[in-house]
């Protein structure tokens, strides 16, 4: 058994499979207070809470701190362990009130937390864990290395233990279902996705993108679909397994996030950008705000809905991924490339009922029965950790005292840092003041010089104004002369127009006279011709007469 009370960075972080090697199995039942939202509508949350309550070797009492805001006279003396479920978003008072927090701080037993979706407000959660004296954290982060990157540092005491788990496991009731055959299902593809916040990175957008793509191409391939990423179309409770069994296949992508927002600044920056750019879409926001943060921690994991689909013998159509090394492409799921380039092959397989039934049966047989994927395995490991911590209860109380001391130390360091910053700021302010006084003297001298220049310019302005008045009088006199000339010019223009009219008339008359002259000339020419012909005839006649006389 590991000595969990000795701070040792090499044995703070465990995979769940390592627990049985390092922590003892319970020899008797502990009294466990499970703080959980047992009214949450999601089936996976209900399965998780129910499996702990019914599957633990310890005696588990569930209290909903969301509804029971005031713990009242809730007695903690009868409990050995407080286990806070991931359905209690404990950094918010609406999930865990101040009364509950004070009660937990004063608790003398083991405090442990099951946490999921731990990629936002990371530092706030870590500070809260330290304040509450959490001794064990069961995380859904996919491996020990990621655990160390996220939960390392000084915000939490080095005594706290961390365990890498899956976000969900296979409850016993899923293994006894008798789902319908593939050929008897009304839809070829079913899916309920979600539009996630931009600050979860590109991975978060895949939940929406895969649904939008298949919904756009499936009808042309003759496939019947029930696909939506609208929040209003979400399905919960008893309707969820019915929905899964209605489809021959279900779409899916890995859960997780490719951006971790430790101090909340990324979310603030995204909110500010969206306020300044209403209607901005993901790609624009990513380029402007998120590009430098993408991949700061790349966390991807299989999610409970995959196990539910496998248990329902609904074939998975997934983007290629790791899936915690559990699912093999073309054996346990049909891979769909992110660019959709192999859609024709996917659509062909979705129309082959025999192919789908064989994959559904094979995946069920190879995945559902694996011991490490059962809730029984998961709960057994939690039982071991809680038992081991509780056995060392006196040391556990000492550990919680150290944790509270560590929390106070962090606060004191923060105050000291702020005080040092204040002193430094005062010193810088004094230096700045001396500099400003020197600058003020220089500016005053410059102001006096500028004032003299302004007075000189004002004197020049008075002279220029007087000159301008004299020039204005001259301009007015010239304007008067111009008006007279303009009037004379107007009269002259009228006379010119009159003469031009007379000239036009004369020109027209001259043209008429010229035409008459041309006509007369033509007539004279004709008469001349006629006279010439008469003269010629007369000469001929004279010759004839002369001849006859002879």
Protein backbone atom coordinates (compact mmCIF):
# COMPACT_ATOMS: atom_id res chain seq x y z
CA UNK A 1 0.00 0.00 0.00
CA UNK A 2 1.30 3.44 -0.88
CA UNK A 3 1.98 5.75 2.03
CA UNK A 4 -0.45 8.40 0.84
CA UNK A 5 0.38 10.82 3.62
CA UNK A 6 3.93 11.53 2.50
CA UNK A 7 4.19 14.31 -0.06
CA UNK A 8 5.90 12.68 -3.01
CA UNK A 9 5.41 14.06 -6.49
CA UNK A 10 6.13 10.63 -7.94
CA UNK A 11 3.10 9.03 -6.27
CA UNK A 12 0.54 11.83 -6.42
CA UNK A 13 -0.83 10.99 -9.86
CA UNK A 14 -2.31 7.60 -10.72
CA UNK A 15 -4.19 5.93 -13.52
CA UNK A 16 -7.25 4.10 -12.22
CA UNK A 17 -5.64 0.77 -13.17
CA UNK A 18 -2.81 1.49 -10.70
CA UNK A 19 -5.11 1.85 -7.71
CA UNK A 20 -5.46 -1.86 -6.90
CA UNK A 21 -1.65 -2.14 -6.74
CA UNK A 22 -1.26 0.74 -4.31
CA UNK A 23 -4.44 0.96 -2.21
CA UNK A 24 -6.05 -1.67 0.03
CA UNK A 25 -9.46 -3.20 -0.55
CA UNK A 26 -12.06 -2.17 2.07
CA UNK A 27 -12.38 -4.48 5.05
CA UNK A 28 -15.56 -2.84 6.31
CA UNK A 29 -18.10 -0.29 5.13
CA UNK A 30 -17.43 3.40 5.55
CA UNK A 31 -20.21 5.95 5.91
CA UNK A 32 -20.04 8.13 2.76
CA UNK A 33 -21.96 11.38 2.21
CA UNK A 34 -22.33 11.83 -1.56
CA UNK A 35 -23.18 15.43 -2.51
CA UNK A 36 -24.80 15.14 -5.96
CA UNK A 37 -27.54 16.65 -8.09
CA UNK A 38 -29.69 13.54 -8.33
CA UNK A 39 -32.41 15.52 -10.15
CA UNK A 40 -30.20 16.21 -13.15
CA UNK A 41 -32.19 15.17 -16.28
CA UNK A 42 -29.25 13.57 -18.12
CA UNK A 43 -29.36 9.78 -18.06
CA UNK A 44 -25.57 9.43 -17.83
CA UNK A 45 -25.53 11.61 -14.69
CA UNK A 46 -28.30 9.54 -13.12
CA UNK A 47 -26.46 6.31 -13.99
CA UNK A 48 -23.26 7.68 -12.46
CA UNK A 49 -24.90 8.67 -9.18
CA UNK A 50 -27.00 5.49 -8.98
CA UNK A 51 -23.99 3.25 -9.67
CA UNK A 52 -22.02 4.82 -6.82
CA UNK A 53 -24.92 4.64 -4.40
CA UNK A 54 -25.86 1.04 -5.25
CA UNK A 55 -22.47 -0.37 -6.27
CA UNK A 56 -20.17 0.87 -3.52
CA UNK A 57 -19.10 -1.47 -0.73
CA UNK A 58 -19.50 1.51 1.55
CA UNK A 59 -22.80 2.87 2.78
CA UNK A 60 -23.60 5.86 0.58
CA UNK A 61 -26.11 8.59 1.50
CA UNK A 62 -27.00 11.00 -1.31
CA UNK A 63 -27.78 14.63 -0.47
CA UNK A 64 -28.60 17.18 -3.16
CA UNK A 65 -26.83 20.39 -2.11
CA UNK A 66 -28.47 22.25 -5.01
CA UNK A 67 -31.92 21.78 -3.49
CA UNK A 68 -30.80 21.66 0.13
CA UNK A 69 -29.06 25.02 0.08
CA UNK A 70 -28.89 25.24 3.87
CA UNK A 71 -27.29 22.15 5.40
CA UNK A 72 -29.18 23.02 8.57
CA UNK A 73 -28.53 20.44 11.26
CA UNK A 74 -27.01 17.93 8.87
CA UNK A 75 -24.69 15.99 11.14
CA UNK A 76 -21.33 15.06 9.66
CA UNK A 77 -20.09 13.20 12.73
CA UNK A 78 -21.70 9.99 11.49
CA UNK A 79 -19.80 10.14 8.17
CA UNK A 80 -16.26 9.03 7.42
CA UNK A 81 -16.11 10.51 3.93
CA UNK A 82 -17.61 13.42 1.95
CA UNK A 83 -17.56 12.64 -1.77
CA UNK A 84 -18.56 15.55 -4.02
CA UNK A 85 -19.98 14.47 -7.40
CA UNK A 86 -19.23 16.25 -10.70
CA UNK A 87 -22.89 17.32 -10.96
CA UNK A 88 -22.09 19.80 -8.16
CA UNK A 89 -20.32 22.68 -9.88
CA UNK A 90 -18.73 23.65 -6.62
CA UNK A 91 -17.13 26.97 -7.52
CA UNK A 92 -20.65 28.43 -7.66
CA UNK A 93 -22.70 29.07 -4.52
CA UNK A 94 -25.86 27.95 -6.32
CA UNK A 95 -24.44 24.41 -6.25
CA UNK A 96 -22.60 24.53 -2.94
CA UNK A 97 -23.65 27.28 -0.54
CA UNK A 98 -21.45 29.04 1.98
CA UNK A 99 -23.08 26.98 4.72
CA UNK A 100 -22.03 23.75 3.05
CA UNK A 101 -18.51 25.07 2.45
CA UNK A 102 -18.03 25.96 6.11
CA UNK A 103 -19.39 22.58 7.14
CA UNK A 104 -16.96 20.76 4.83
CA UNK A 105 -14.00 22.86 6.02
CA UNK A 106 -14.68 21.75 9.57
CA UNK A 107 -15.16 18.10 8.65
CA UNK A 108 -12.66 15.74 10.31
CA UNK A 109 -12.83 12.91 7.78
CA UNK A 110 -11.86 12.34 4.15
CA UNK A 111 -12.96 14.80 1.45
CA UNK A 112 -12.82 13.63 -2.18
CA UNK A 113 -14.15 15.02 -5.46
CA UNK A 114 -15.21 13.52 -8.79
CA UNK A 115 -14.61 16.16 -11.45
CA UNK A 116 -15.40 16.39 -15.18
CA UNK A 117 -15.28 19.10 -17.85
CA UNK A 118 -12.20 20.48 -16.14
CA UNK A 119 -10.82 22.63 -18.94
CA UNK A 120 -12.36 25.95 -17.85
CA UNK A 121 -11.77 28.02 -14.69
CA UNK A 122 -9.08 25.51 -13.73
CA UNK A 123 -7.34 27.72 -11.17
CA UNK A 124 -10.66 28.61 -9.52
CA UNK A 125 -11.42 24.91 -9.03
CA UNK A 126 -7.93 24.22 -7.70
CA UNK A 127 -8.19 27.06 -5.18
CA UNK A 128 -11.60 25.77 -4.11
CA UNK A 129 -10.24 22.25 -3.64
CA UNK A 130 -7.41 23.60 -1.50
CA UNK A 131 -9.86 25.68 0.55
CA UNK A 132 -12.13 22.67 1.17
CA UNK A 133 -9.18 20.42 2.01
CA UNK A 134 -9.76 17.92 -0.80
CA UNK A 135 -7.48 14.89 -0.39
CA UNK A 136 -8.38 12.90 -3.52
CA UNK A 137 -9.55 14.04 -6.95
CA UNK A 138 -11.00 11.59 -9.48
CA UNK A 139 -10.50 13.33 -12.82
CA UNK A 140 -11.67 12.52 -16.34
CA UNK A 141 -8.36 13.69 -17.82
CA UNK A 142 -7.11 10.95 -20.09
CA UNK A 143 -3.65 10.22 -18.65
CA UNK A 144 -1.25 10.88 -15.79
CA UNK A 145 0.87 13.29 -17.83
CA UNK A 146 -2.13 15.53 -18.48
CA UNK A 147 -3.05 15.33 -14.79
CA UNK A 148 0.39 16.63 -13.85
CA UNK A 149 0.22 19.46 -16.38
CA UNK A 150 -3.20 20.62 -15.18
CA UNK A 151 -2.96 20.03 -11.42
CA UNK A 152 0.73 20.57 -10.80
CA UNK A 153 2.01 23.80 -9.26
CA UNK A 154 1.43 25.47 -5.91
CA UNK A 155 -2.31 26.16 -5.91
CA UNK A 156 -2.97 22.79 -4.26
CA UNK A 157 -1.01 21.06 -1.47
CA UNK A 158 1.44 18.40 -2.58
CA UNK A 159 -0.39 15.83 -0.44
CA UNK A 160 -3.48 15.75 -2.68
CA UNK A 161 -3.89 12.61 -4.79
CA UNK A 162 -5.11 12.64 -8.40
CA UNK A 163 -6.58 9.76 -10.40
CA UNK A 164 -7.12 9.55 -14.16
CA UNK A 165 -10.55 8.04 -14.96
CA UNK A 166 -12.99 7.88 -17.86
CA UNK A 167 -15.91 10.37 -17.95
CA UNK A 168 -18.28 7.42 -17.67
CA UNK A 169 -18.48 3.67 -17.49
CA UNK A 170 -20.92 0.93 -18.51
CA UNK A 171 -23.77 0.44 -16.03
CA UNK A 172 -25.02 -3.09 -15.45
CA UNK A 173 -28.50 -2.45 -16.85
CA UNK A 174 -27.11 -1.74 -20.33
CA UNK A 175 -25.72 -5.25 -20.59
CA UNK A 176 -29.12 -6.95 -20.34
CA UNK A 177 -30.88 -4.96 -23.06
CA UNK A 178 -32.28 -6.70 -26.14
CA UNK A 179 -31.97 -4.07 -28.86
CA UNK A 180 -33.78 -4.39 -32.23
CA UNK A 181 -31.98 -5.76 -35.27
CA UNK A 182 -30.30 -3.30 -37.58
CA UNK A 183 -32.72 -3.98 -40.46
CA UNK A 184 -35.74 -3.15 -38.26
CA UNK A 185 -34.67 0.39 -37.35
CA UNK A 186 -36.43 3.38 -38.98
CA UNK A 187 -33.39 5.66 -39.36
CA UNK A 188 -30.03 5.04 -41.00
CA UNK A 189 -28.25 7.71 -38.93
CA UNK A 190 -29.17 9.42 -35.65
CA UNK A 191 -27.30 12.11 -33.74
CA UNK A 192 -27.69 14.80 -31.13
CA UNK A 193 -24.76 17.18 -31.17
CA UNK A 194 -24.17 20.52 -29.54
CA UNK A 195 -22.79 23.95 -30.41
CA UNK A 196 -20.06 24.49 -27.85
CA UNK A 197 -18.33 27.70 -26.81
CA UNK A 198 -15.49 28.89 -29.09
CA UNK A 199 -13.04 28.84 -26.17
CA UNK A 200 -13.04 25.02 -26.17
CA UNK A 201 -11.00 25.17 -29.37
CA UNK A 202 -11.38 23.39 -32.68
CA UNK A 203 -12.17 20.05 -31.05
CA UNK A 204 -15.29 21.54 -29.45
CA UNK A 205 -16.64 22.56 -32.86
CA UNK A 206 -16.50 19.01 -34.21
CA UNK A 207 -19.68 18.05 -32.33
CA UNK A 208 -21.57 20.49 -34.54
CA UNK A 209 -19.61 20.06 -37.77
CA UNK A 210 -20.03 16.29 -38.14
CA UNK A 211 -23.80 16.60 -37.81
CA UNK A 212 -24.05 19.49 -40.26
CA UNK A 213 -21.99 17.65 -42.86
CA UNK A 214 -23.88 14.36 -42.75
CA UNK A 215 -27.22 16.17 -42.66
CA UNK A 216 -26.24 18.01 -45.87
CA UNK A 217 -25.15 14.94 -47.89
CA UNK A 218 -27.20 12.03 -46.53
CA UNK A 219 -30.47 12.77 -48.39
CA UNK A 220 -28.69 12.67 -51.78
CA UNK A 221 -27.36 9.25 -50.78
CA UNK A 222 -30.86 8.00 -49.98
CA UNK A 223 -30.25 7.82 -46.20
CA UNK A 224 -32.89 8.59 -43.58
CA UNK A 225 -31.57 10.70 -40.70
CA UNK A 226 -32.61 12.22 -37.38
CA UNK A 227 -29.80 14.72 -36.75
CA UNK A 228 -29.73 17.96 -34.77
CA UNK A 229 -27.34 20.13 -32.75
CA UNK A 230 -30.10 22.44 -31.50
CA UNK A 231 -30.39 22.64 -27.71
CA UNK A 232 -34.19 22.45 -28.04
CA UNK A 233 -33.82 19.00 -29.64
CA UNK A 234 -31.79 17.49 -26.81
CA UNK A 235 -33.12 14.16 -25.52
CA UNK A 236 -32.94 13.06 -21.88
CA UNK A 237 -34.15 10.36 -19.55
CA UNK A 238 -35.99 7.30 -20.80
CA UNK A 239 -36.31 8.72 -24.32
CA UNK A 240 -32.53 8.61 -24.91
CA UNK A 241 -32.12 4.79 -25.22
CA UNK A 242 -35.26 4.72 -27.40
CA UNK A 243 -33.65 7.32 -29.65
CA UNK A 244 -30.38 5.35 -29.86
CA UNK A 245 -32.24 2.15 -30.82
CA UNK A 246 -34.08 3.99 -33.61
CA UNK A 247 -30.90 4.40 -35.68
CA UNK A 248 -28.73 1.88 -37.44
CA UNK A 249 -25.77 4.18 -36.78
CA UNK A 250 -24.90 7.15 -34.58
CA UNK A 251 -22.42 9.94 -35.33
CA UNK A 252 -19.78 10.92 -32.79
CA UNK A 253 -16.50 12.70 -32.06
CA UNK A 254 -14.08 12.62 -29.14
CA UNK A 255 -14.99 14.66 -26.09
CA UNK A 256 -12.64 17.08 -24.41
CA UNK A 257 -11.02 20.37 -25.34
CA UNK A 258 -7.94 21.61 -27.18
CA UNK A 259 -7.81 24.83 -25.12
CA UNK A 260 -7.55 24.97 -21.32
CA UNK A 261 -8.53 28.29 -19.74
CA UNK A 262 -6.71 28.30 -16.41
CA UNK A 263 -7.53 31.77 -15.10
CA UNK A 264 -10.70 32.55 -17.08
CA UNK A 265 -8.98 35.23 -19.18
CA UNK A 266 -9.58 33.41 -22.48
CA UNK A 267 -13.33 33.30 -21.88
CA UNK A 268 -13.26 36.99 -20.97
CA UNK A 269 -11.36 37.86 -24.15
CA UNK A 270 -13.82 35.88 -26.27
CA UNK A 271 -16.79 37.58 -24.60
CA UNK A 272 -15.23 41.03 -25.15
CA UNK A 273 -14.56 40.28 -28.82
CA UNK A 274 -18.11 39.02 -29.40
CA UNK A 275 -19.50 42.15 -27.71
CA UNK A 276 -17.45 44.32 -30.08
CA UNK A 277 -18.20 42.14 -33.12
CA UNK A 278 -21.81 40.94 -32.89
CA UNK A 279 -22.45 37.97 -35.14
CA UNK A 280 -18.79 36.91 -35.30
CA UNK A 281 -18.50 33.22 -36.18
CA UNK A 282 -16.03 30.68 -34.76
CA UNK A 283 -13.32 31.04 -37.41
CA UNK A 284 -13.17 34.81 -37.01
CA UNK A 285 -13.05 34.51 -33.20
CA UNK A 286 -10.40 31.79 -33.42
CA UNK A 287 -8.16 33.88 -35.66
CA UNK A 288 -8.55 37.01 -33.53
CA UNK A 289 -8.46 35.55 -29.99
CA UNK A 290 -7.84 31.81 -29.79
CA UNK A 291 -5.08 31.03 -32.30
CA UNK A 292 -2.22 31.38 -29.78
CA UNK A 293 -4.04 29.25 -27.18
CA UNK A 294 -5.04 26.37 -29.45
CA UNK A 295 -3.41 23.14 -28.25
CA UNK A 296 -2.03 24.56 -24.98
CA UNK A 297 -3.36 21.24 -23.65
CA UNK A 298 -4.85 18.72 -26.09
CA UNK A 299 -7.32 16.61 -24.12
CA UNK A 300 -9.45 14.03 -25.96
CA UNK A 301 -11.47 11.21 -24.49
CA UNK A 302 -14.17 8.67 -25.19
CA UNK A 303 -17.53 9.67 -23.70
CA UNK A 304 -20.40 7.71 -22.09
CA UNK A 305 -22.69 8.04 -25.10
CA UNK A 306 -20.37 5.73 -27.07
CA UNK A 307 -20.86 2.97 -24.50
CA UNK A 308 -24.62 3.56 -24.59
CA UNK A 309 -24.65 3.28 -28.38
CA UNK A 310 -22.49 0.14 -28.33
CA UNK A 311 -24.79 -1.44 -25.74
CA UNK A 312 -27.76 -0.56 -27.99
CA UNK A 313 -25.91 -2.21 -30.90
CA UNK A 314 -25.99 1.05 -32.81
CA UNK A 315 -23.00 1.30 -35.14
CA UNK A 316 -20.69 4.28 -34.56
CA UNK A 317 -19.69 6.65 -37.40
CA UNK A 318 -16.82 8.69 -35.98
CA UNK A 319 -14.09 11.10 -36.93
CA UNK A 320 -10.80 9.17 -36.67
CA UNK A 321 -9.26 9.47 -33.22
CA UNK A 322 -7.61 7.71 -30.29
CA UNK A 323 -10.73 7.05 -28.18
CA UNK A 324 -8.57 6.04 -25.20
CA UNK A 325 -7.11 3.18 -27.27
CA UNK A 326 -10.43 1.33 -26.96
CA UNK A 327 -11.99 1.64 -30.43
CA UNK A 328 -10.35 0.43 -33.66
CA UNK A 329 -11.47 1.98 -36.98
CA UNK A 330 -13.27 -0.35 -39.43
CA UNK A 331 -13.62 -2.86 -36.62
CA UNK A 332 -15.49 -0.99 -33.92
CA UNK A 333 -16.60 2.06 -35.89
CA UNK A 334 -16.90 3.44 -39.44
CA UNK A 335 -14.36 6.27 -39.83
CA UNK A 336 -15.57 9.46 -41.53
CA UNK A 337 -12.78 11.78 -42.63
CA UNK A 338 -13.12 15.33 -41.34
CA UNK A 339 -13.17 16.72 -44.88
CA UNK A 340 -15.85 14.21 -45.91
CA UNK A 341 -13.65 12.81 -48.67
CA UNK A 342 -14.69 9.18 -47.99
CA UNK A 343 -18.42 9.85 -47.68
CA UNK A 344 -19.30 7.61 -50.64
CA UNK A 345 -17.66 4.64 -48.90
CA UNK A 346 -19.39 5.50 -45.60
CA UNK A 347 -22.79 5.80 -47.29
CA UNK A 348 -22.31 2.44 -49.02
CA UNK A 349 -21.60 0.74 -45.67
CA UNK A 350 -24.59 2.43 -44.04
CA UNK A 351 -26.85 0.82 -46.66
CA UNK A 352 -25.49 -2.67 -45.98
CA UNK A 353 -27.54 -4.11 -43.09
CA UNK A 354 -25.44 -7.27 -42.85
CA UNK A 355 -22.22 -5.27 -42.57
CA UNK A 356 -23.74 -3.02 -39.91
CA UNK A 357 -25.15 -5.91 -37.87
CA UNK A 358 -21.81 -7.71 -37.91
CA UNK A 359 -19.98 -4.56 -36.72
CA UNK A 360 -22.59 -3.86 -34.02
CA UNK A 361 -22.36 -7.44 -32.67
CA UNK A 362 -18.56 -7.49 -32.79
CA UNK A 363 -18.23 -4.13 -31.02
CA UNK A 364 -20.71 -5.16 -28.35
CA UNK A 365 -18.89 -8.43 -27.67
CA UNK A 366 -15.41 -6.86 -27.58
CA UNK A 367 -16.15 -3.64 -25.67
CA UNK A 368 -19.14 -3.99 -23.37
CA UNK A 369 -17.78 -6.97 -21.45
CA UNK A 370 -14.32 -5.50 -20.73
CA UNK A 371 -13.95 -5.43 -16.91
CA UNK A 372 -12.09 -2.09 -16.78
CA UNK A 373 -15.02 -0.37 -18.53
CA UNK A 374 -17.63 -1.48 -15.99
CA UNK A 375 -18.95 0.82 -13.30
CA UNK A 376 -18.16 -1.98 -10.83
CA UNK A 377 -14.44 -1.61 -11.59
CA UNK A 378 -14.57 2.19 -11.33
CA UNK A 379 -16.42 2.17 -8.01
CA UNK A 380 -14.16 -0.53 -6.59
CA UNK A 381 -11.13 1.71 -7.18
CA UNK A 382 -12.83 4.68 -5.53
CA UNK A 383 -13.74 2.45 -2.57
CA UNK A 384 -10.09 1.45 -2.20
CA UNK A 385 -8.84 5.04 -2.20
CA UNK A 386 -11.45 6.21 0.30
CA UNK A 387 -10.79 3.21 2.59
CA UNK A 388 -7.03 3.75 2.54
CA UNK A 389 -7.37 7.45 3.34
CA UNK A 390 -9.93 6.78 6.08
CA UNK A 391 -7.74 4.16 7.75
CA UNK A 392 -5.16 6.85 8.34
CA UNK A 393 -7.82 9.18 9.69
CA UNK A 394 -5.66 10.86 12.36
CA UNK A 395 -3.07 11.53 9.71
CA UNK A 396 -5.87 12.59 7.40
CA UNK A 397 -6.93 15.23 9.91
CA UNK A 398 -3.34 16.41 10.08
CA UNK A 399 -3.27 16.49 6.29
CA UNK A 400 -6.40 18.66 6.21
CA UNK A 401 -4.79 21.00 8.73
CA UNK A 402 -1.75 21.26 6.47
CA UNK A 403 -4.05 21.88 3.53
CA UNK A 404 -5.79 24.73 5.36
CA UNK A 405 -2.38 26.09 6.38
CA UNK A 406 -1.26 25.85 2.77
CA UNK A 407 -4.38 27.74 1.69
CA UNK A 408 -3.65 30.48 4.24
CA UNK A 409 -0.01 30.56 3.12
CA UNK A 410 -1.08 31.11 -0.46
CA UNK A 411 -3.39 33.94 0.63
CA UNK A 412 -0.60 35.50 2.72
CA UNK A 413 1.82 35.21 -0.20
CA UNK A 414 -0.76 36.85 -2.41
CA UNK A 415 -1.24 39.67 0.10
CA UNK A 416 2.53 40.07 0.51
CA UNK A 417 2.93 40.17 -3.25
CA UNK A 418 0.15 42.74 -3.53
CA UNK A 419 1.77 44.78 -0.71
CA UNK A 420 5.16 44.62 -2.41
CA UNK A 421 3.50 45.66 -5.63
CA UNK A 422 1.90 48.59 -3.77
CA UNK A 423 5.31 49.68 -2.33
CA UNK A 424 6.90 49.38 -5.73
CA UNK A 425 4.07 51.37 -7.24
CA UNK A 426 4.54 54.14 -4.62
CA UNK A 427 8.29 54.31 -5.38
CA UNK A 428 7.57 54.40 -9.09
CA UNK A 429 4.93 57.08 -8.45
CA UNK A 430 7.50 59.27 -6.59
CA UNK A 431 9.96 58.96 -9.45
CA UNK A 432 7.17 59.72 -11.87
CA UNK A 433 6.18 62.77 -9.79
CA UNK A 434 9.73 64.21 -9.92
CA UNK A 435 9.77 63.64 -13.65
CA UNK A 436 6.37 65.28 -14.03
CA UNK A 437 7.48 68.34 -11.98
CA UNK A 438 10.53 68.73 -14.24
CA UNK A 439 8.31 68.35 -17.26
CA UNK A 440 5.88 70.94 -15.80
CA UNK A 441 8.69 73.54 -15.44
CA UNK A 442 9.77 72.94 -19.00
CA UNK A 443 6.19 73.11 -20.24
CA UNK A 444 5.66 76.41 -18.31
CA UNK A 445 8.67 77.99 -20.02
CA UNK A 446 7.47 76.74 -23.35
CA UNK A 447 4.02 78.18 -22.57
CA UNK A 448 5.49 81.66 -21.81
CA UNK A 449 7.47 81.62 -25.05
CA UNK A 450 4.42 80.49 -26.95
CA UNK A 451 2.37 83.29 -25.35
CA UNK A 452 4.85 85.89 -26.61
CA UNK A 453 4.66 84.41 -30.08
CA UNK A 454 0.87 84.52 -29.89
CA UNK A 455 0.91 88.24 -28.91
CA UNK A 456 3.20 89.01 -31.85
CA UNK A 457 0.90 87.10 -34.15
CA UNK A 458 -2.13 89.00 -32.72
CA UNK A 459 -0.40 92.34 -33.56
CA UNK A 460 0.26 91.11 -37.08
CA UNK A 461 -3.34 90.03 -37.28
CA UNK A 462 -4.57 93.58 -36.39
CA UNK A 463 -2.38 95.06 -39.12
CA UNK A 464 -3.52 92.49 -41.59
CA UNK A 465 -7.14 93.21 -40.63
CA UNK A 466 -6.67 96.94 -41.30
CA UNK A 467 -5.01 96.22 -44.62
CA UNK A 468 -7.80 93.85 -45.39
CA UNK A 469 -10.41 96.61 -44.70
CA UNK A 470 -8.65 99.00 -47.11
CA UNK A 471 -8.32 96.27 -49.68
CA UNK A 472 -12.03 95.51 -49.21
CA UNK A 473 -12.93 99.14 -50.05
CA UNK A 474 -10.82 98.96 -53.19
CA UNK A 475 -12.47 95.69 -54.08
CA UNK A 476 -15.93 97.24 -53.59
CA UNK A 477 -14.96 100.19 -55.88
CA UNK A 478 -13.73 97.80 -58.52
CA UNK A 479 -16.89 95.71 -58.12
CA UNK A 480 -18.94 98.92 -58.75
CA UNK A 481 -16.95 99.71 -61.91
CA UNK A 482 -17.33 96.12 -62.99
CA UNK A 483 -21.12 96.39 -62.55
CA UNK A 484 -21.19 99.51 -64.76
CA UNK A 485 -19.05 97.86 -67.39
CA UNK A 486 -21.25 94.80 -67.18
CA UNK A 487 -24.37 96.94 -67.79
CA UNK A 488 -22.69 98.67 -70.74
CA UNK A 489 -21.60 95.33 -72.02
CA UNK A 490 -25.17 94.06 -71.69
CA UNK A 491 -26.52 97.04 -73.73
CA UNK A 492 -23.80 96.53 -76.31
CA UNK A 493 -24.64 92.83 -76.38
CA UNK A 494 -28.28 93.66 -77.12
CA UNK A 495 -27.22 96.00 -79.98
CA UNK A 496 -24.94 93.28 -81.32
CA UNK A 497 -27.80 90.79 -81.19
CA UNK A 498 -30.04 93.30 -83.08
CA UNK A 499 -27.40 93.88 -85.73
CA UNK A 500 -26.87 90.14 -85.98
CA UNK A 501 -30.64 89.79 -86.58
CA UNK A 502 -30.56 92.47 -89.31
CA UNK A 503 -27.50 90.81 -90.80
CA UNK A 504 -29.33 87.51 -90.87
CA UNK A 505 -32.28 89.10 -92.64
CA UNK A 506 -29.98 90.87 -95.09
CA UNK A 507 -28.12 87.66 -95.69
CA UNK A 508 -31.38 85.87 -96.36
CA UNK A 509 -32.48 88.70 -98.74
CA UNK A 510 -29.09 88.63 -100.42
CA UNK A 511 -29.39 84.90 -100.88
CA UNK A 512 -32.85 85.41 -102.42
CA UNK A 513 -31.50 88.10 -104.76
CA UNK A 514 -28.60 85.89 -105.73
CA UNK A 515 -31.06 83.14 -106.55
CA UNK A 516 -33.09 85.55 -108.74
CA UNK A 517 -29.86 86.64 -110.44
CA UNK A 518 -28.97 83.02 -111.08
CA UNK A 519 -32.45 82.46 -112.55
CA UNK A 520 -32.17 85.60 -114.72
CA UNK A 521 -28.71 84.59 -115.84
CA UNK A 522 -30.09 81.23 -116.81
CA UNK A 523 -32.90 82.87 -118.81
CA UNK A 524 -30.42 85.22 -120.51
CA UNK A 525 -28.33 82.24 -121.45
CA UNK A 526 -31.37 80.60 -122.96
CA UNK A 527 -32.30 83.80 -124.83
CA UNK A 528 -28.72 84.17 -126.02
CA UNK A 529 -28.83 80.65 -127.31
CA UNK A 530 -32.12 81.23 -129.01
CA UNK A 531 -30.88 84.51 -130.49
CA UNK A 532 -27.76 82.76 -131.69
CA UNK A 533 -29.88 80.10 -133.37
CA UNK A 534 -32.10 82.83 -134.94
CA UNK A 535 -29.11 84.65 -136.24
CA UNK A 536 -27.83 81.41 -137.74
CA UNK A 537 -31.19 80.77 -139.44
CA UNK A 538 -31.36 84.34 -140.59
CA UNK A 539 -27.92 84.01 -142.20
CA UNK A 540 -29.03 80.84 -143.92
CA UNK A 541 -32.16 82.49 -145.13
CA UNK A 542 -30.16 85.44 -146.44
CA UNK A 543 -27.89 83.06 -148.30
CA UNK A 544 -30.87 81.29 -149.82
CA UNK A 545 -32.45 84.58 -150.89
CA UNK A 546 -29.20 85.79 -152.24
CA UNK A 547 -28.83 82.66 -154.28
CA UNK A 548 -32.32 82.96 -155.66
CA UNK A 549 -31.74 86.59 -156.61
CA UNK A 550 -28.73 85.64 -158.60
